[in-house]
Each structure stands twice: as structure tokens, then as C-alpha cells.
Amino acid sequence: MSLDFSSIHNHHESSVFEAVQEMAPRFPDVAARNELLIDVACIALNRVQPRYIRHRVDYLFYLTEAERAANGQMIASAVQQAFEFVSARERARPVVRAAA
């Protein structure tokens, strides 16, 4: 028997992706490079506890307003920290100049 698990996903993914896009203008050095924004999203997702679901509406139905607010704050904090981490890492990298 073959099972289709493609409907399972981490509930926080879309919220983290939205937060990365909203916060990106505050970090222009990172926002200028798509691969760095993807790094930010990965780092932020690794900082939040995953919530695997099949249907977003089912998960949201069972959350209280306090839990929704806590999730929002957790995601905002994780994304902020991820941007700061990636920005610091990029500033610390040596500049490679092309040979003249």
C-alpha cells in the first residue's frame, strides 16, 4: 500500500515566509540577495517548534487568541533573530576582489 503524505506541512512555514517578506526592507543588505532571504527563512523555521498539519483551518480552529498571539510573537522573534544572524555573518565575510 502506498500512502500519499503530500498534504502534510508545517503550519508555521507560510507565517515565517510572510514575516521574512515583511521584515526584509529593514535589512537591505540581506534583502538584496534571494539566497540570503531563503537562509533567513530556514534559520527562523529551525527556531520555532514545528506544527505539522494537513488542513490549516483545522489547526487554527483549535487555537485560542492567546495561542495565536504567542505564535505570532514567536515567529516575529525568530525571523528578527535570523535576519540579525545572517546580516552579521555577511558583514564578517571577507570581501573577495576580482584580479585586475
N, C-alpha and C. Protein backbone atom coordinates (compact mmCIF):
# COMPACT_ATOMS: atom_id res chain seq x y z
N MET A 1 0.84 -1.17 0.00
CA MET A 1 0.00 0.00 0.00
C MET A 1 0.89 1.24 0.00
N SER A 2 0.60 2.18 -0.86
CA SER A 2 1.35 3.42 -0.96
C SER A 2 0.51 4.57 -0.41
N LEU A 3 1.07 5.27 0.55
CA LEU A 3 0.36 6.40 1.16
C LEU A 3 0.87 7.71 0.56
N ASP A 4 -0.03 8.67 0.42
CA ASP A 4 0.32 9.99 -0.09
C ASP A 4 0.41 10.95 1.08
N PHE A 5 1.61 11.35 1.43
CA PHE A 5 1.83 12.26 2.55
C PHE A 5 1.99 13.71 2.10
N SER A 6 1.71 14.01 0.86
CA SER A 6 1.96 15.35 0.32
C SER A 6 1.08 16.43 0.93
N SER A 7 0.01 16.07 1.60
CA SER A 7 -0.87 17.07 2.20
C SER A 7 -0.36 17.54 3.57
N ILE A 8 0.68 16.91 4.09
CA ILE A 8 1.22 17.28 5.40
C ILE A 8 2.24 18.39 5.23
N HIS A 9 2.11 19.42 6.06
CA HIS A 9 3.09 20.51 6.04
C HIS A 9 3.18 21.17 7.41
N ASN A 10 4.23 21.95 7.59
CA ASN A 10 4.45 22.68 8.83
C ASN A 10 3.61 23.95 8.79
N HIS A 11 2.71 24.08 9.73
CA HIS A 11 1.81 25.23 9.79
C HIS A 11 2.57 26.56 9.80
N HIS A 12 3.73 26.61 10.42
CA HIS A 12 4.45 27.87 10.56
C HIS A 12 5.16 28.33 9.28
N GLU A 13 5.28 27.48 8.30
CA GLU A 13 6.00 27.86 7.08
C GLU A 13 5.46 29.14 6.45
N SER A 14 4.17 29.17 6.18
CA SER A 14 3.61 30.34 5.49
C SER A 14 3.73 31.59 6.35
N SER A 15 3.57 31.48 7.66
CA SER A 15 3.70 32.63 8.55
C SER A 15 5.14 33.15 8.57
N VAL A 16 6.10 32.24 8.59
CA VAL A 16 7.51 32.64 8.56
C VAL A 16 7.83 33.29 7.22
N PHE A 17 7.37 32.73 6.13
CA PHE A 17 7.65 33.31 4.82
C PHE A 17 7.09 34.72 4.71
N GLU A 18 5.88 34.92 5.23
CA GLU A 18 5.26 36.25 5.22
C GLU A 18 6.06 37.22 6.09
N ALA A 19 6.50 36.77 7.26
CA ALA A 19 7.27 37.63 8.16
C ALA A 19 8.62 38.00 7.55
N VAL A 20 9.24 37.08 6.84
CA VAL A 20 10.51 37.38 6.16
C VAL A 20 10.29 38.48 5.13
N GLN A 21 9.24 38.37 4.34
CA GLN A 21 8.97 39.39 3.33
C GLN A 21 8.66 40.73 3.95
N GLU A 22 7.91 40.74 5.04
CA GLU A 22 7.56 42.00 5.71
C GLU A 22 8.77 42.66 6.36
N MET A 23 9.67 41.86 6.92
CA MET A 23 10.82 42.40 7.64
C MET A 23 12.00 42.71 6.72
N ALA A 24 12.01 42.18 5.52
CA ALA A 24 13.14 42.33 4.60
C ALA A 24 13.57 43.77 4.37
N PRO A 25 12.65 44.73 4.19
CA PRO A 25 13.10 46.11 3.95
C PRO A 25 13.96 46.70 5.07
N ARG A 26 13.84 46.17 6.27
CA ARG A 26 14.65 46.65 7.39
C ARG A 26 16.08 46.13 7.34
N PHE A 27 16.33 45.16 6.46
CA PHE A 27 17.65 44.55 6.31
C PHE A 27 18.04 44.55 4.83
N PRO A 28 18.29 45.72 4.25
CA PRO A 28 18.54 45.80 2.80
C PRO A 28 19.74 44.99 2.33
N ASP A 29 20.75 44.83 3.20
CA ASP A 29 21.93 44.04 2.80
C ASP A 29 21.56 42.58 2.57
N VAL A 30 20.61 42.08 3.30
CA VAL A 30 20.15 40.70 3.14
C VAL A 30 19.08 40.62 2.05
N ALA A 31 18.17 41.58 2.05
CA ALA A 31 17.05 41.56 1.10
C ALA A 31 17.50 41.65 -0.35
N ALA A 32 18.69 42.16 -0.58
CA ALA A 32 19.20 42.31 -1.95
C ALA A 32 19.55 40.98 -2.59
N ARG A 33 19.63 39.92 -1.80
CA ARG A 33 20.04 38.61 -2.33
C ARG A 33 19.02 37.55 -1.91
N ASN A 34 18.34 36.98 -2.89
CA ASN A 34 17.30 35.98 -2.62
C ASN A 34 17.81 34.79 -1.81
N GLU A 35 19.03 34.35 -2.08
CA GLU A 35 19.54 33.18 -1.36
C GLU A 35 19.71 33.48 0.13
N LEU A 36 19.97 34.74 0.47
CA LEU A 36 20.07 35.10 1.88
C LEU A 36 18.69 35.13 2.54
N LEU A 37 17.68 35.56 1.81
CA LEU A 37 16.32 35.54 2.35
C LEU A 37 15.86 34.11 2.61
N ILE A 38 16.26 33.21 1.75
CA ILE A 38 15.92 31.80 1.95
C ILE A 38 16.65 31.26 3.18
N ASP A 39 17.92 31.69 3.36
CA ASP A 39 18.65 31.31 4.58
C ASP A 39 17.93 31.81 5.82
N VAL A 40 17.45 33.05 5.78
CA VAL A 40 16.73 33.63 6.91
C VAL A 40 15.50 32.77 7.23
N ALA A 41 14.74 32.40 6.21
CA ALA A 41 13.54 31.58 6.43
C ALA A 41 13.90 30.24 7.05
N CYS A 42 14.95 29.60 6.56
CA CYS A 42 15.36 28.30 7.12
C CYS A 42 15.79 28.43 8.57
N ILE A 43 16.57 29.45 8.88
CA ILE A 43 17.04 29.65 10.25
C ILE A 43 15.86 29.92 11.17
N ALA A 44 14.94 30.78 10.73
CA ALA A 44 13.77 31.09 11.54
C ALA A 44 12.92 29.85 11.77
N LEU A 45 12.69 29.06 10.73
CA LEU A 45 11.89 27.84 10.89
C LEU A 45 12.55 26.86 11.86
N ASN A 46 13.86 26.83 11.89
CA ASN A 46 14.55 25.94 12.83
C ASN A 46 14.46 26.44 14.26
N ARG A 47 14.08 27.70 14.46
CA ARG A 47 13.97 28.27 15.81
C ARG A 47 12.57 28.12 16.39
N VAL A 48 11.59 27.80 15.57
CA VAL A 48 10.23 27.65 16.08
C VAL A 48 9.85 26.17 16.11
N GLN A 49 9.03 25.83 17.08
CA GLN A 49 8.59 24.44 17.19
C GLN A 49 7.65 24.12 16.03
N PRO A 50 7.92 23.07 15.26
CA PRO A 50 7.06 22.76 14.12
C PRO A 50 5.69 22.27 14.57
N ARG A 51 4.71 22.57 13.78
CA ARG A 51 3.34 22.09 13.98
C ARG A 51 2.88 21.52 12.65
N TYR A 52 2.98 20.21 12.53
CA TYR A 52 2.60 19.57 11.28
C TYR A 52 1.11 19.35 11.22
N ILE A 53 0.54 19.73 10.11
CA ILE A 53 -0.91 19.68 9.93
C ILE A 53 -1.23 19.22 8.51
N ARG A 54 -2.48 18.88 8.31
CA ARG A 54 -2.97 18.59 6.96
C ARG A 54 -3.80 19.76 6.45
N HIS A 55 -4.60 20.35 7.32
CA HIS A 55 -5.51 21.43 6.92
C HIS A 55 -5.33 22.61 7.86
N ARG A 56 -4.93 23.73 7.32
CA ARG A 56 -4.67 24.93 8.11
C ARG A 56 -5.88 25.33 8.96
N VAL A 57 -7.06 25.25 8.39
CA VAL A 57 -8.26 25.69 9.10
C VAL A 57 -8.51 24.83 10.35
N ASP A 58 -8.20 23.56 10.29
CA ASP A 58 -8.39 22.68 11.45
C ASP A 58 -7.49 23.11 12.61
N TYR A 59 -6.25 23.43 12.30
CA TYR A 59 -5.30 23.85 13.33
C TYR A 59 -5.75 25.18 13.94
N LEU A 60 -6.10 26.13 13.10
CA LEU A 60 -6.50 27.45 13.58
C LEU A 60 -7.75 27.40 14.44
N PHE A 61 -8.65 26.48 14.12
CA PHE A 61 -9.90 26.35 14.87
C PHE A 61 -9.65 26.05 16.34
N TYR A 62 -8.62 25.26 16.63
CA TYR A 62 -8.35 24.82 17.99
C TYR A 62 -7.45 25.77 18.78
N LEU A 63 -6.92 26.81 18.14
CA LEU A 63 -6.06 27.76 18.85
C LEU A 63 -6.89 28.83 19.55
N THR A 64 -6.47 29.19 20.75
CA THR A 64 -7.09 30.33 21.43
C THR A 64 -6.45 31.61 20.91
N GLU A 65 -7.06 32.74 21.21
CA GLU A 65 -6.48 34.02 20.80
C GLU A 65 -5.10 34.21 21.42
N ALA A 66 -4.94 33.78 22.66
CA ALA A 66 -3.65 33.90 23.33
C ALA A 66 -2.58 33.06 22.62
N GLU A 67 -2.96 31.86 22.19
CA GLU A 67 -2.02 31.00 21.46
C GLU A 67 -1.67 31.60 20.11
N ARG A 68 -2.63 32.18 19.43
CA ARG A 68 -2.36 32.84 18.15
C ARG A 68 -1.37 33.99 18.34
N ALA A 69 -1.62 34.79 19.37
CA ALA A 69 -0.72 35.91 19.65
C ALA A 69 0.68 35.42 20.00
N ALA A 70 0.77 34.37 20.81
CA ALA A 70 2.07 33.81 21.19
C ALA A 70 2.80 33.27 19.96
N ASN A 71 2.08 32.60 19.06
CA ASN A 71 2.69 32.11 17.82
C ASN A 71 3.22 33.26 16.99
N GLY A 72 2.43 34.33 16.87
CA GLY A 72 2.87 35.49 16.09
C GLY A 72 4.13 36.11 16.66
N GLN A 73 4.18 36.25 17.98
CA GLN A 73 5.36 36.81 18.63
C GLN A 73 6.56 35.89 18.47
N MET A 74 6.35 34.58 18.61
CA MET A 74 7.43 33.61 18.45
C MET A 74 8.02 33.70 17.04
N ILE A 75 7.16 33.79 16.05
CA ILE A 75 7.62 33.85 14.66
C ILE A 75 8.34 35.17 14.40
N ALA A 76 7.79 36.28 14.86
CA ALA A 76 8.44 37.58 14.67
C ALA A 76 9.83 37.59 15.30
N SER A 77 9.93 37.04 16.49
CA SER A 77 11.22 37.00 17.18
C SER A 77 12.21 36.10 16.44
N ALA A 78 11.76 34.94 16.00
CA ALA A 78 12.64 34.02 15.27
C ALA A 78 13.13 34.63 13.96
N VAL A 79 12.25 35.32 13.25
CA VAL A 79 12.64 35.95 11.99
C VAL A 79 13.61 37.10 12.24
N GLN A 80 13.35 37.92 13.25
CA GLN A 80 14.26 39.02 13.61
C GLN A 80 15.65 38.46 13.92
N GLN A 81 15.71 37.44 14.76
CA GLN A 81 17.00 36.84 15.11
C GLN A 81 17.69 36.24 13.89
N ALA A 82 16.92 35.64 13.00
CA ALA A 82 17.51 35.05 11.80
C ALA A 82 18.10 36.14 10.89
N PHE A 83 17.38 37.25 10.73
CA PHE A 83 17.92 38.35 9.94
C PHE A 83 19.21 38.89 10.56
N GLU A 84 19.22 39.06 11.86
CA GLU A 84 20.41 39.56 12.55
C GLU A 84 21.58 38.60 12.38
N PHE A 85 21.32 37.31 12.48
CA PHE A 85 22.36 36.31 12.32
C PHE A 85 22.95 36.36 10.91
N VAL A 86 22.08 36.35 9.90
CA VAL A 86 22.55 36.36 8.51
C VAL A 86 23.28 37.66 8.19
N SER A 87 22.76 38.78 8.68
CA SER A 87 23.42 40.08 8.47
C SER A 87 24.82 40.09 9.07
N ALA A 88 24.94 39.61 10.30
CA ALA A 88 26.25 39.57 10.97
C ALA A 88 27.21 38.64 10.23
N ARG A 89 26.70 37.52 9.78
CA ARG A 89 27.55 36.57 9.04
C ARG A 89 28.07 37.19 7.74
N GLU A 90 27.17 37.91 7.06
CA GLU A 90 27.57 38.55 5.80
C GLU A 90 28.58 39.67 6.03
N ARG A 91 28.41 40.44 7.11
CA ARG A 91 29.37 41.52 7.40
C ARG A 91 30.74 40.96 7.75
N ALA A 92 30.78 39.77 8.33
CA ALA A 92 32.04 39.16 8.76
C ALA A 92 32.79 38.48 7.61
N ARG A 93 32.11 38.28 6.50
CA ARG A 93 32.79 37.60 5.38
C ARG A 93 33.81 38.54 4.74
N PRO A 94 34.97 37.99 4.40
CA PRO A 94 35.96 38.82 3.73
C PRO A 94 35.47 39.17 2.30
N VAL A 95 35.82 40.37 1.90
CA VAL A 95 35.46 40.82 0.55
C VAL A 95 36.44 40.23 -0.45
N VAL A 96 35.93 39.55 -1.45
CA VAL A 96 36.77 38.96 -2.50
C VAL A 96 36.76 39.91 -3.68
N ARG A 97 37.92 40.36 -4.08
CA ARG A 97 38.00 41.30 -5.20
C ARG A 97 38.55 40.58 -6.42
N ALA A 98 38.04 40.95 -7.57
CA ALA A 98 38.49 40.35 -8.82
C ALA A 98 39.90 40.84 -9.14
N ALA A 99 40.69 39.97 -9.71
CA ALA A 99 42.05 40.33 -10.10
C ALA A 99 42.01 41.34 -11.23
N ALA A 100 42.88 42.31 -11.13
CA ALA A 100 42.90 43.38 -12.15
C ALA A 100 43.77 43.01 -13.31
